[in-house]
PDB file of N, CA and C in Angstrom:
ATOM      1  N   MET A   1      76.024 123.629 166.196  1.00  0.00           N
ATOM      2  CA  MET A   1      76.015 122.415 166.982  1.00  0.00           C
ATOM      3  C   MET A   1      75.176 121.360 166.294  1.00  0.00           C
ATOM      4  N   LYS A   2      75.624 120.148 166.385  1.00  0.00           N
ATOM      5  CA  LYS A   2      74.873 119.053 165.807  1.00  0.00           C
ATOM      6  C   LYS A   2      73.826 118.564 166.797  1.00  0.00           C
ATOM      7  N   VAL A   3      72.852 117.827 166.290  1.00  0.00           N
ATOM      8  CA  VAL A   3      71.752 117.352 167.127  1.00  0.00           C
ATOM      9  C   VAL A   3      72.270 116.425 168.225  1.00  0.00           C
ATOM     10  N   GLN A   4      73.253 115.599 167.904  1.00  0.00           N
ATOM     11  CA  GLN A   4      73.812 114.689 168.911  1.00  0.00           C
ATOM     12  C   GLN A   4      74.410 115.478 170.071  1.00  0.00           C
ATOM     13  N   GLU A   5      75.059 116.591 169.770  1.00  0.00           N
ATOM     14  CA  GLU A   5      75.630 117.426 170.819  1.00  0.00           C
ATOM     15  C   GLU A   5      74.536 118.093 171.640  1.00  0.00           C
ATOM     16  N   LEU A   6      73.457 118.499 170.970  1.00  0.00           N
ATOM     17  CA  LEU A   6      72.350 119.135 171.673  1.00  0.00           C
ATOM     18  C   LEU A   6      71.645 118.152 172.604  1.00  0.00           C
ATOM     19  N   ARG A   7      71.553 116.901 172.201  1.00  0.00           N
ATOM     20  CA  ARG A   7      70.873 115.896 173.020  1.00  0.00           C
ATOM     21  C   ARG A   7      71.604 115.644 174.333  1.00  0.00           C
ATOM     22  N   GLN A   8      72.886 115.924 174.375  1.00  0.00           N
ATOM     23  CA  GLN A   8      73.668 115.691 175.585  1.00  0.00           C
ATOM     24  C   GLN A   8      73.493 116.800 176.613  1.00  0.00           C
ATOM     25  N   LEU A   9      72.922 117.926 176.199  1.00  0.00           N
ATOM     26  CA  LEU A   9      72.736 119.051 177.102  1.00  0.00           C
ATOM     27  C   LEU A   9      71.453 118.883 177.914  1.00  0.00           C
ATOM     28  N   ASP A  10      71.459 119.431 179.125  1.00  0.00           N
ATOM     29  CA  ASP A  10      70.244 119.377 179.940  1.00  0.00           C
ATOM     30  C   ASP A  10      69.315 120.520 179.540  1.00  0.00           C
ATOM     31  N   ALA A  11      68.130 120.527 180.127  1.00  0.00           N
ATOM     32  CA  ALA A  11      67.101 121.494 179.738  1.00  0.00           C
ATOM     33  C   ALA A  11      67.544 122.932 180.002  1.00  0.00           C
ATOM     34  N   LYS A  12      68.260 123.150 181.092  1.00  0.00           N
ATOM     35  CA  LYS A  12      68.714 124.506 181.425  1.00  0.00           C
ATOM     36  C   LYS A  12      69.668 125.038 180.363  1.00  0.00           C
ATOM     37  N   LYS A  13      70.610 124.211 179.949  1.00  0.00           N
ATOM     38  CA  LYS A  13      71.574 124.608 178.922  1.00  0.00           C
ATOM     39  C   LYS A  13      70.887 124.814 177.577  1.00  0.00           C
ATOM     40  N   LEU A  14      69.896 123.974 177.276  1.00  0.00           N
ATOM     41  CA  LEU A  14      69.161 124.119 176.021  1.00  0.00           C
ATOM     42  C   LEU A  14      68.383 125.433 175.998  1.00  0.00           C
ATOM     43  N   ASN A  15      67.785 125.792 177.124  1.00  0.00           N
ATOM     44  CA  ASN A  15      67.058 127.063 177.191  1.00  0.00           C
ATOM     45  C   ASN A  15      67.995 128.249 177.013  1.00  0.00           C
ATOM     46  N   GLU A  16      69.186 128.165 177.611  1.00  0.00           N
ATOM     47  CA  GLU A  16      70.173 129.236 177.447  1.00  0.00           C
ATOM     48  C   GLU A  16      70.595 129.348 175.987  1.00  0.00           C
ATOM     49  N   LYS A  17      70.843 128.214 175.357  1.00  0.00           N
ATOM     50  CA  LYS A  17      71.252 128.193 173.956  1.00  0.00           C
ATOM     51  C   LYS A  17      70.130 128.750 173.070  1.00  0.00           C
ATOM     52  N   LEU A  18      68.896 128.409 173.394  1.00  0.00           N
ATOM     53  CA  LEU A  18      67.745 128.904 172.640  1.00  0.00           C
ATOM     54  C   LEU A  18      67.639 130.423 172.730  1.00  0.00           C
ATOM     55  N   LYS A  19      67.768 130.967 173.927  1.00  0.00           N
ATOM     56  CA  LYS A  19      67.711 132.419 174.105  1.00  0.00           C
ATOM     57  C   LYS A  19      68.830 133.111 173.330  1.00  0.00           C
ATOM     58  N   GLU A  20      70.009 132.519 173.377  1.00  0.00           N
ATOM     59  CA  GLU A  20      71.155 133.086 172.656  1.00  0.00           C
ATOM     60  C   GLU A  20      70.912 133.097 171.148  1.00  0.00           C
ATOM     61  N   LEU A  21      70.391 131.998 170.625  1.00  0.00           N
ATOM     62  CA  LEU A  21      70.141 131.903 169.188  1.00  0.00           C
ATOM     63  C   LEU A  21      69.041 132.860 168.731  1.00  0.00           C
ATOM     64  N   VAL A  22      67.998 133.005 169.519  1.00  0.00           N
ATOM     65  CA  VAL A  22      66.910 133.922 169.166  1.00  0.00           C
ATOM     66  C   VAL A  22      67.444 135.352 169.115  1.00  0.00           C
ATOM     67  N   ARG A  23      68.284 135.709 170.080  1.00  0.00           N
ATOM     68  CA  ARG A  23      68.873 137.042 170.101  1.00  0.00           C
ATOM     69  C   ARG A  23      69.794 137.248 168.900  1.00  0.00           C
ATOM     70  N   LYS A  24      70.630 136.235 168.612  1.00  0.00           N
ATOM     71  CA  LYS A  24      71.533 136.324 167.464  1.00  0.00           C
ATOM     72  C   LYS A  24      70.757 136.445 166.154  1.00  0.00           C
ATOM     73  N   LEU A  25      69.654 135.720 166.052  1.00  0.00           N
ATOM     74  CA  LEU A  25      68.836 135.775 164.843  1.00  0.00           C
ATOM     75  C   LEU A  25      68.257 137.173 164.651  1.00  0.00           C
ATOM     76  N   SER A  26      67.797 137.759 165.730  1.00  0.00           N
ATOM     77  CA  SER A  26      67.243 139.110 165.655  1.00  0.00           C
ATOM     78  C   SER A  26      68.300 140.108 165.183  1.00  0.00           C
ATOM     79  N   VAL A  27      69.477 140.037 165.764  1.00  0.00           N
ATOM     80  CA  VAL A  27      70.570 140.936 165.377  1.00  0.00           C
ATOM     81  C   VAL A  27      70.980 140.679 163.934  1.00  0.00           C
ATOM     82  N   PHE A  28      71.040 139.417 163.556  1.00  0.00           N
ATOM     83  CA  PHE A  28      71.468 139.065 162.203  1.00  0.00           C
ATOM     84  C   PHE A  28      70.468 139.575 161.169  1.00  0.00           C
ATOM     85  N   ARG A  29      69.167 139.446 161.468  1.00  0.00           N
ATOM     86  CA  ARG A  29      68.148 139.963 160.549  1.00  0.00           C
ATOM     87  C   ARG A  29      68.288 141.472 160.377  1.00  0.00           C
ATOM     88  N   PHE A  30      68.587 142.159 161.464  1.00  0.00           N
ATOM     89  CA  PHE A  30      68.799 143.604 161.393  1.00  0.00           C
ATOM     90  C   PHE A  30      69.992 143.924 160.491  1.00  0.00           C
ATOM     91  N   HIS A  31      71.067 143.159 160.628  1.00  0.00           N
ATOM     92  CA  HIS A  31      72.258 143.379 159.807  1.00  0.00           C
ATOM     93  C   HIS A  31      71.964 143.127 158.328  1.00  0.00           C
ATOM     94  N   VAL A  32      71.151 142.140 158.038  1.00  0.00           N
ATOM     95  CA  VAL A  32      70.791 141.858 156.647  1.00  0.00           C
ATOM     96  C   VAL A  32      69.963 143.006 156.078  1.00  0.00           C
ATOM     97  N   LYS A  33      69.005 143.481 156.873  1.00  0.00           N
ATOM     98  CA  LYS A  33      68.143 144.578 156.402  1.00  0.00           C
ATOM     99  C   LYS A  33      68.922 145.861 156.140  1.00  0.00           C
ATOM    100  N   THR A  34      69.942 146.112 156.967  1.00  0.00           N
ATOM    101  CA  THR A  34      70.715 147.343 156.813  1.00  0.00           C
ATOM    102  C   THR A  34      71.862 147.202 155.826  1.00  0.00           C
ATOM    103  N   GLY A  35      72.031 146.003 155.281  1.00  0.00           N
ATOM    104  CA  GLY A  35      73.060 145.792 154.273  1.00  0.00           C
ATOM    105  C   GLY A  35      74.429 145.493 154.832  1.00  0.00           C
ATOM    106  N   GLN A  36      74.546 145.289 156.135  1.00  0.00           N
ATOM    107  CA  GLN A  36      75.835 144.986 156.749  1.00  0.00           C
ATOM    108  C   GLN A  36      76.243 143.532 156.546  1.00  0.00           C
ATOM    109  N   GLU A  37      75.278 142.684 156.258  1.00  0.00           N
ATOM    110  CA  GLU A  37      75.537 141.250 156.071  1.00  0.00           C
ATOM    111  C   GLU A  37      74.883 140.806 154.778  1.00  0.00           C
ATOM    112  N   ALA A  38      75.615 139.999 154.004  1.00  0.00           N
ATOM    113  CA  ALA A  38      75.095 139.554 152.717  1.00  0.00           C
ATOM    114  C   ALA A  38      74.717 138.072 152.717  1.00  0.00           C
ATOM    115  N   ASN A  39      75.183 137.315 153.691  1.00  0.00           N
ATOM    116  CA  ASN A  39      74.959 135.873 153.726  1.00  0.00           C
ATOM    117  C   ASN A  39      73.608 135.572 154.383  1.00  0.00           C
ATOM    118  N   THR A  40      72.556 135.603 153.583  1.00  0.00           N
ATOM    119  CA  THR A  40      71.218 135.378 154.127  1.00  0.00           C
ATOM    120  C   THR A  40      70.937 133.912 154.433  1.00  0.00           C
ATOM    121  N   ALA A  41      71.772 133.010 153.985  1.00  0.00           N
ATOM    122  CA  ALA A  41      71.581 131.582 154.265  1.00  0.00           C
ATOM    123  C   ALA A  41      71.731 131.288 155.752  1.00  0.00           C
ATOM    124  N   GLU A  42      72.436 132.131 156.471  1.00  0.00           N
ATOM    125  CA  GLU A  42      72.620 131.942 157.912  1.00  0.00           C
ATOM    126  C   GLU A  42      71.294 132.021 158.657  1.00  0.00           C
ATOM    127  N   ILE A  43      70.361 132.803 158.150  1.00  0.00           N
ATOM    128  CA  ILE A  43      69.051 132.931 158.796  1.00  0.00           C
ATOM    129  C   ILE A  43      68.370 131.565 158.838  1.00  0.00           C
ATOM    130  N   GLY A  44      68.379 130.862 157.735  1.00  0.00           N
ATOM    131  CA  GLY A  44      67.771 129.532 157.682  1.00  0.00           C
ATOM    132  C   GLY A  44      68.451 128.548 158.601  1.00  0.00           C
ATOM    133  N   LYS A  45      69.770 128.631 158.695  1.00  0.00           N
ATOM    134  CA  LYS A  45      70.513 127.728 159.579  1.00  0.00           C
ATOM    135  C   LYS A  45      70.173 127.983 161.036  1.00  0.00           C
ATOM    136  N   MET A  46      70.072 129.260 161.391  1.00  0.00           N
ATOM    137  CA  MET A  46      69.721 129.602 162.778  1.00  0.00           C
ATOM    138  C   MET A  46      68.299 129.155 163.104  1.00  0.00           C
ATOM    139  N   ARG A  47      67.368 129.379 162.159  1.00  0.00           N
ATOM    140  CA  ARG A  47      65.980 128.968 162.386  1.00  0.00           C
ATOM    141  C   ARG A  47      65.876 127.455 162.553  1.00  0.00           C
ATOM    142  N   LYS A  48      66.660 126.714 161.777  1.00  0.00           N
ATOM    143  CA  LYS A  48      66.659 125.257 161.876  1.00  0.00           C
ATOM    144  C   LYS A  48      67.167 124.817 163.241  1.00  0.00           C
ATOM    145  N   GLN A  49      68.236 125.445 163.700  1.00  0.00           N
ATOM    146  CA  GLN A  49      68.796 125.076 165.000  1.00  0.00           C
ATOM    147  C   GLN A  49      67.831 125.424 166.135  1.00  0.00           C
ATOM    148  N   ILE A  50      67.136 126.550 166.010  1.00  0.00           N
ATOM    149  CA  ILE A  50      66.128 126.920 167.011  1.00  0.00           C
ATOM    150  C   ILE A  50      65.018 125.872 167.049  1.00  0.00           C
ATOM    151  N   ALA A  51      64.574 125.432 165.883  1.00  0.00           N
ATOM    152  CA  ALA A  51      63.521 124.409 165.812  1.00  0.00           C
ATOM    153  C   ALA A  51      63.991 123.096 166.426  1.00  0.00           C
ATOM    154  N   GLN A  52      65.244 122.732 166.196  1.00  0.00           N
ATOM    155  CA  GLN A  52      65.775 121.497 166.771  1.00  0.00           C
ATOM    156  C   GLN A  52      65.789 121.567 168.290  1.00  0.00           C
ATOM    157  N   ILE A  53      66.212 122.702 168.827  1.00  0.00           N
ATOM    158  CA  ILE A  53      66.254 122.857 170.282  1.00  0.00           C
ATOM    159  C   ILE A  53      64.854 122.821 170.860  1.00  0.00           C
ATOM    160  N   LYS A  54      63.910 123.498 170.218  1.00  0.00           N
ATOM    161  CA  LYS A  54      62.528 123.485 170.707  1.00  0.00           C
ATOM    162  C   LYS A  54      61.950 122.079 170.680  1.00  0.00           C
ATOM    163  N   THR A  55      62.272 121.323 169.657  1.00  0.00           N
ATOM    164  CA  THR A  55      61.795 119.945 169.566  1.00  0.00           C
ATOM    165  C   THR A  55      62.364 119.102 170.696  1.00  0.00           C
ATOM    166  N   LEU A  56      63.664 119.246 170.967  1.00  0.00           N
ATOM    167  CA  LEU A  56      64.276 118.493 172.053  1.00  0.00           C
ATOM    168  C   LEU A  56      63.661 118.861 173.406  1.00  0.00           C
ATOM    169  N   LEU A  57      63.422 120.152 173.620  1.00  0.00           N
ATOM    170  CA  LEU A  57      62.808 120.586 174.870  1.00  0.00           C
ATOM    171  C   LEU A  57      61.386 120.037 175.008  1.00  0.00           C
ATOM    172  N   ASN A  58      60.651 120.009 173.910  1.00  0.00           N
ATOM    173  CA  ASN A  58      59.286 119.484 173.937  1.00  0.00           C
ATOM    174  C   ASN A  58      59.294 117.982 174.228  1.00  0.00           C
ATOM    175  N   ASN A  59      60.229 117.256 173.670  1.00  0.00           N
ATOM    176  CA  ASN A  59      60.301 115.817 173.881  1.00  0.00           C
ATOM    177  C   ASN A  59      60.732 115.490 175.304  1.00  0.00           C
ATOM    178  N   GLU A  60      61.574 116.323 175.902  1.00  0.00           N
ATOM    179  CA  GLU A  60      62.017 116.073 177.290  1.00  0.00           C
ATOM    180  C   GLU A  60      60.887 116.287 178.282  1.00  0.00           C
ATOM    181  N   SER A  61      59.996 117.213 177.974  1.00  0.00           N
ATOM    182  CA  SER A  61      58.920 117.530 178.918  1.00  0.00           C
ATOM    183  C   SER A  61      57.835 116.453 178.944  1.00  0.00           C
ATOM    184  N   LYS A  62      57.814 115.588 177.977  1.00  0.00           N
ATOM    185  CA  LYS A  62      56.782 114.544 177.935  1.00  0.00           C
ATOM    186  C   LYS A  62      57.203 113.315 178.660  1.00  0.00           C
TER     187      LYS A  62
END
């Protein structure tokens, strides 16, 4: 999702998306460690998206 799309979501939807991404990241890291997944660049993309969502949530609370 792009940042513009994330900005249109409310806080509840952003929190749901954040929980989903954190869970996916955990599973993906496990797959990389066990050799089931070779595309390690996805980890960075997921971490970036998590940071973007956290930033949006922090800005909304102020």
